[in-house]
Amino acid sequence: MNDVMFNIGWAVVFSLMGGILGIALMLAAMAILPRLLDRLTPAIDEEKEIVRGNRAVAEYFGRIVAAGIIGLSIIVAAAILGGIIAALY
């Protein structure tokens, strides 16, 4: 019984640390990805085009940034789950 509680405790620690790290990575991704996209498309000023009402640029920009954030969240979720599984065995 003592080993079970010890393993559950480590699983909680791994999930909390993974969650905190995941939040930090998500905040970093939300800050970095739009600037990275701006550098990859130097001929287009996305912010100016979005303000002008160019819907195509707005949808492109939103989809690319959202895809990057979703991809990173899948990686973080897999890391957290791996930590929990490792702690429980």
N, C-alpha and C. Protein backbone atom coordinates (compact mmCIF):
# COMPACT_ATOMS: atom_id res chain seq x y z
N MET A 1 0.83 -1.20 0.00
CA MET A 1 0.00 0.00 0.00
C MET A 1 0.87 1.27 0.00
N ASN A 2 2.00 1.19 0.71
CA ASN A 2 2.88 2.34 0.79
C ASN A 2 3.50 2.67 -0.57
N ASP A 3 3.87 1.64 -1.33
CA ASP A 3 4.45 1.86 -2.66
C ASP A 3 3.44 2.47 -3.61
N VAL A 4 2.18 2.05 -3.48
CA VAL A 4 1.14 2.59 -4.34
C VAL A 4 0.96 4.09 -4.10
N MET A 5 0.91 4.48 -2.85
CA MET A 5 0.75 5.90 -2.51
C MET A 5 1.99 6.71 -2.96
N PHE A 6 3.16 6.12 -2.83
CA PHE A 6 4.39 6.76 -3.29
C PHE A 6 4.34 7.00 -4.79
N ASN A 7 3.92 5.98 -5.55
CA ASN A 7 3.84 6.11 -7.01
C ASN A 7 2.78 7.11 -7.42
N ILE A 8 1.65 7.13 -6.73
CA ILE A 8 0.61 8.11 -7.03
C ILE A 8 1.11 9.51 -6.74
N GLY A 9 1.86 9.66 -5.67
CA GLY A 9 2.45 10.97 -5.35
C GLY A 9 3.38 11.45 -6.45
N TRP A 10 4.23 10.55 -6.95
CA TRP A 10 5.12 10.94 -8.04
C TRP A 10 4.34 11.25 -9.32
N ALA A 11 3.26 10.52 -9.56
CA ALA A 11 2.43 10.80 -10.74
C ALA A 11 1.82 12.19 -10.64
N VAL A 12 1.39 12.58 -9.46
CA VAL A 12 0.85 13.93 -9.26
C VAL A 12 1.92 14.98 -9.47
N VAL A 13 3.11 14.72 -8.94
CA VAL A 13 4.22 15.67 -9.12
C VAL A 13 4.57 15.82 -10.60
N PHE A 14 4.67 14.69 -11.31
CA PHE A 14 4.99 14.74 -12.74
C PHE A 14 3.91 15.49 -13.52
N SER A 15 2.64 15.25 -13.18
CA SER A 15 1.58 15.91 -13.93
C SER A 15 1.54 17.41 -13.63
N LEU A 16 1.78 17.81 -12.39
CA LEU A 16 1.81 19.24 -12.06
C LEU A 16 2.98 19.95 -12.73
N MET A 17 4.16 19.33 -12.67
CA MET A 17 5.32 19.94 -13.31
C MET A 17 5.14 19.99 -14.83
N GLY A 18 4.59 18.92 -15.39
CA GLY A 18 4.33 18.92 -16.82
C GLY A 18 3.30 19.96 -17.21
N GLY A 19 2.29 20.14 -16.37
CA GLY A 19 1.28 21.16 -16.64
C GLY A 19 1.87 22.56 -16.60
N ILE A 20 2.70 22.82 -15.60
CA ILE A 20 3.34 24.14 -15.49
C ILE A 20 4.27 24.39 -16.68
N LEU A 21 5.05 23.38 -17.03
CA LEU A 21 5.93 23.51 -18.20
C LEU A 21 5.11 23.67 -19.48
N GLY A 22 4.01 22.95 -19.58
CA GLY A 22 3.14 23.07 -20.75
C GLY A 22 2.55 24.46 -20.88
N ILE A 23 2.12 25.04 -19.77
CA ILE A 23 1.59 26.41 -19.80
C ILE A 23 2.67 27.39 -20.25
N ALA A 24 3.88 27.21 -19.73
CA ALA A 24 4.98 28.10 -20.12
C ALA A 24 5.29 27.96 -21.61
N LEU A 25 5.29 26.73 -22.12
CA LEU A 25 5.55 26.53 -23.55
C LEU A 25 4.43 27.10 -24.41
N MET A 26 3.20 26.99 -23.96
CA MET A 26 2.08 27.55 -24.73
C MET A 26 2.18 29.09 -24.78
N LEU A 27 2.51 29.71 -23.66
CA LEU A 27 2.67 31.17 -23.66
C LEU A 27 3.82 31.60 -24.56
N ALA A 28 4.90 30.83 -24.53
CA ALA A 28 6.03 31.14 -25.41
C ALA A 28 5.65 30.95 -26.87
N ALA A 29 4.90 29.91 -27.16
CA ALA A 29 4.49 29.66 -28.55
C ALA A 29 3.56 30.76 -29.04
N MET A 30 2.66 31.23 -28.18
CA MET A 30 1.74 32.30 -28.59
C MET A 30 2.49 33.61 -28.83
N ALA A 31 3.63 33.78 -28.20
CA ALA A 31 4.41 34.99 -28.40
C ALA A 31 5.35 34.87 -29.60
N ILE A 32 5.89 33.69 -29.82
CA ILE A 32 6.92 33.50 -30.85
C ILE A 32 6.35 33.20 -32.23
N LEU A 33 5.31 32.39 -32.31
CA LEU A 33 4.80 31.96 -33.62
C LEU A 33 4.35 33.12 -34.52
N PRO A 34 3.60 34.10 -34.03
CA PRO A 34 3.25 35.21 -34.95
C PRO A 34 4.46 35.98 -35.47
N ARG A 35 5.46 36.18 -34.60
CA ARG A 35 6.67 36.88 -35.06
C ARG A 35 7.45 36.05 -36.05
N LEU A 36 7.47 34.73 -35.86
CA LEU A 36 8.15 33.84 -36.80
C LEU A 36 7.46 33.88 -38.16
N LEU A 37 6.15 33.89 -38.16
CA LEU A 37 5.41 33.97 -39.42
C LEU A 37 5.65 35.30 -40.12
N ASP A 38 5.77 36.37 -39.35
CA ASP A 38 6.11 37.67 -39.94
C ASP A 38 7.47 37.63 -40.63
N ARG A 39 8.42 36.94 -40.03
CA ARG A 39 9.76 36.86 -40.63
C ARG A 39 9.78 35.96 -41.86
N LEU A 40 8.91 34.94 -41.88
CA LEU A 40 8.87 34.04 -43.02
C LEU A 40 8.18 34.66 -44.23
N THR A 41 7.35 35.66 -44.00
CA THR A 41 6.66 36.35 -45.10
C THR A 41 6.99 37.85 -45.02
N PRO A 42 8.20 38.24 -45.43
CA PRO A 42 8.60 39.64 -45.28
C PRO A 42 7.86 40.60 -46.22
N ALA A 43 7.33 40.10 -47.33
CA ALA A 43 6.67 41.00 -48.28
C ALA A 43 5.25 41.35 -47.85
N ILE A 44 4.70 40.63 -46.87
CA ILE A 44 3.32 40.85 -46.44
C ILE A 44 3.33 41.33 -45.00
N ASP A 45 2.69 42.47 -44.75
CA ASP A 45 2.51 42.96 -43.38
C ASP A 45 1.13 42.47 -42.92
N GLU A 46 1.14 41.35 -42.20
CA GLU A 46 -0.11 40.71 -41.83
C GLU A 46 -1.01 41.61 -40.99
N GLU A 47 -0.42 42.31 -40.03
CA GLU A 47 -1.23 43.17 -39.17
C GLU A 47 -1.94 44.25 -39.97
N LYS A 48 -1.22 44.87 -40.90
CA LYS A 48 -1.82 45.92 -41.71
C LYS A 48 -2.93 45.35 -42.61
N GLU A 49 -2.68 44.17 -43.18
CA GLU A 49 -3.68 43.55 -44.04
C GLU A 49 -4.93 43.14 -43.26
N ILE A 50 -4.74 42.65 -42.05
CA ILE A 50 -5.89 42.28 -41.22
C ILE A 50 -6.70 43.51 -40.85
N VAL A 51 -6.02 44.61 -40.52
CA VAL A 51 -6.73 45.86 -40.20
C VAL A 51 -7.49 46.37 -41.41
N ARG A 52 -6.92 46.20 -42.62
CA ARG A 52 -7.61 46.63 -43.84
C ARG A 52 -8.79 45.75 -44.19
N GLY A 53 -8.91 44.61 -43.53
CA GLY A 53 -10.05 43.73 -43.78
C GLY A 53 -9.77 42.62 -44.76
N ASN A 54 -8.53 42.33 -45.01
CA ASN A 54 -8.17 41.25 -45.92
C ASN A 54 -8.40 39.92 -45.21
N ARG A 55 -9.53 39.31 -45.53
CA ARG A 55 -9.94 38.09 -44.82
C ARG A 55 -9.03 36.91 -45.13
N ALA A 56 -8.51 36.82 -46.33
CA ALA A 56 -7.64 35.70 -46.71
C ALA A 56 -6.37 35.69 -45.86
N VAL A 57 -5.78 36.84 -45.66
CA VAL A 57 -4.56 36.91 -44.85
C VAL A 57 -4.89 36.58 -43.39
N ALA A 58 -6.02 37.07 -42.91
CA ALA A 58 -6.42 36.80 -41.53
C ALA A 58 -6.63 35.31 -41.29
N GLU A 59 -7.29 34.64 -42.24
CA GLU A 59 -7.53 33.20 -42.08
C GLU A 59 -6.23 32.41 -42.20
N TYR A 60 -5.38 32.78 -43.12
CA TYR A 60 -4.08 32.11 -43.28
C TYR A 60 -3.25 32.25 -42.02
N PHE A 61 -3.14 33.48 -41.53
CA PHE A 61 -2.35 33.76 -40.34
C PHE A 61 -2.91 32.99 -39.14
N GLY A 62 -4.21 33.02 -38.97
CA GLY A 62 -4.84 32.33 -37.85
C GLY A 62 -4.67 30.83 -37.91
N ARG A 63 -4.80 30.27 -39.09
CA ARG A 63 -4.67 28.81 -39.22
C ARG A 63 -3.25 28.35 -38.99
N ILE A 64 -2.28 29.08 -39.49
CA ILE A 64 -0.88 28.68 -39.31
C ILE A 64 -0.49 28.76 -37.83
N VAL A 65 -0.86 29.85 -37.17
CA VAL A 65 -0.53 29.99 -35.75
C VAL A 65 -1.28 28.96 -34.92
N ALA A 66 -2.55 28.72 -35.22
CA ALA A 66 -3.32 27.73 -34.47
C ALA A 66 -2.75 26.32 -34.66
N ALA A 67 -2.32 25.99 -35.87
CA ALA A 67 -1.74 24.67 -36.12
C ALA A 67 -0.46 24.48 -35.32
N GLY A 68 0.35 25.51 -35.23
CA GLY A 68 1.58 25.41 -34.43
C GLY A 68 1.28 25.22 -32.95
N ILE A 69 0.31 25.93 -32.43
CA ILE A 69 -0.05 25.81 -31.02
C ILE A 69 -0.67 24.45 -30.73
N ILE A 70 -1.53 23.96 -31.62
CA ILE A 70 -2.12 22.63 -31.42
C ILE A 70 -1.05 21.55 -31.48
N GLY A 71 -0.12 21.66 -32.41
CA GLY A 71 0.96 20.69 -32.49
C GLY A 71 1.80 20.66 -31.23
N LEU A 72 2.12 21.81 -30.71
CA LEU A 72 2.90 21.88 -29.47
C LEU A 72 2.11 21.33 -28.29
N SER A 73 0.81 21.57 -28.26
CA SER A 73 0.01 21.05 -27.15
C SER A 73 -0.08 19.53 -27.20
N ILE A 74 -0.09 18.94 -28.37
CA ILE A 74 -0.08 17.47 -28.48
C ILE A 74 1.23 16.91 -27.93
N ILE A 75 2.33 17.57 -28.23
CA ILE A 75 3.63 17.12 -27.73
C ILE A 75 3.69 17.24 -26.21
N VAL A 76 3.19 18.34 -25.66
CA VAL A 76 3.20 18.53 -24.21
C VAL A 76 2.31 17.49 -23.54
N ALA A 77 1.13 17.22 -24.11
CA ALA A 77 0.24 16.21 -23.54
C ALA A 77 0.89 14.83 -23.53
N ALA A 78 1.59 14.49 -24.59
CA ALA A 78 2.28 13.20 -24.64
C ALA A 78 3.38 13.13 -23.59
N ALA A 79 4.08 14.22 -23.38
CA ALA A 79 5.14 14.23 -22.36
C ALA A 79 4.56 14.08 -20.96
N ILE A 80 3.45 14.75 -20.69
CA ILE A 80 2.81 14.63 -19.38
C ILE A 80 2.31 13.21 -19.16
N LEU A 81 1.66 12.64 -20.16
CA LEU A 81 1.15 11.28 -20.04
C LEU A 81 2.29 10.28 -19.86
N GLY A 82 3.39 10.49 -20.57
CA GLY A 82 4.55 9.62 -20.40
C GLY A 82 5.11 9.69 -18.99
N GLY A 83 5.14 10.88 -18.42
CA GLY A 83 5.62 11.04 -17.04
C GLY A 83 4.71 10.35 -16.04
N ILE A 84 3.41 10.46 -16.25
CA ILE A 84 2.46 9.81 -15.34
C ILE A 84 2.58 8.29 -15.45
N ILE A 85 2.67 7.79 -16.66
CA ILE A 85 2.80 6.34 -16.84
C ILE A 85 4.11 5.83 -16.23
N ALA A 86 5.20 6.59 -16.40
CA ALA A 86 6.47 6.18 -15.82
C ALA A 86 6.40 6.18 -14.29
N ALA A 87 5.67 7.12 -13.71
CA ALA A 87 5.58 7.18 -12.25
C ALA A 87 4.73 6.06 -11.69
N LEU A 88 3.75 5.60 -12.45
CA LEU A 88 2.86 4.57 -11.92
C LEU A 88 3.41 3.16 -12.08
N TYR A 89 4.51 2.99 -12.83
CA TYR A 89 5.07 1.63 -12.98
C TYR A 89 6.33 1.47 -12.23
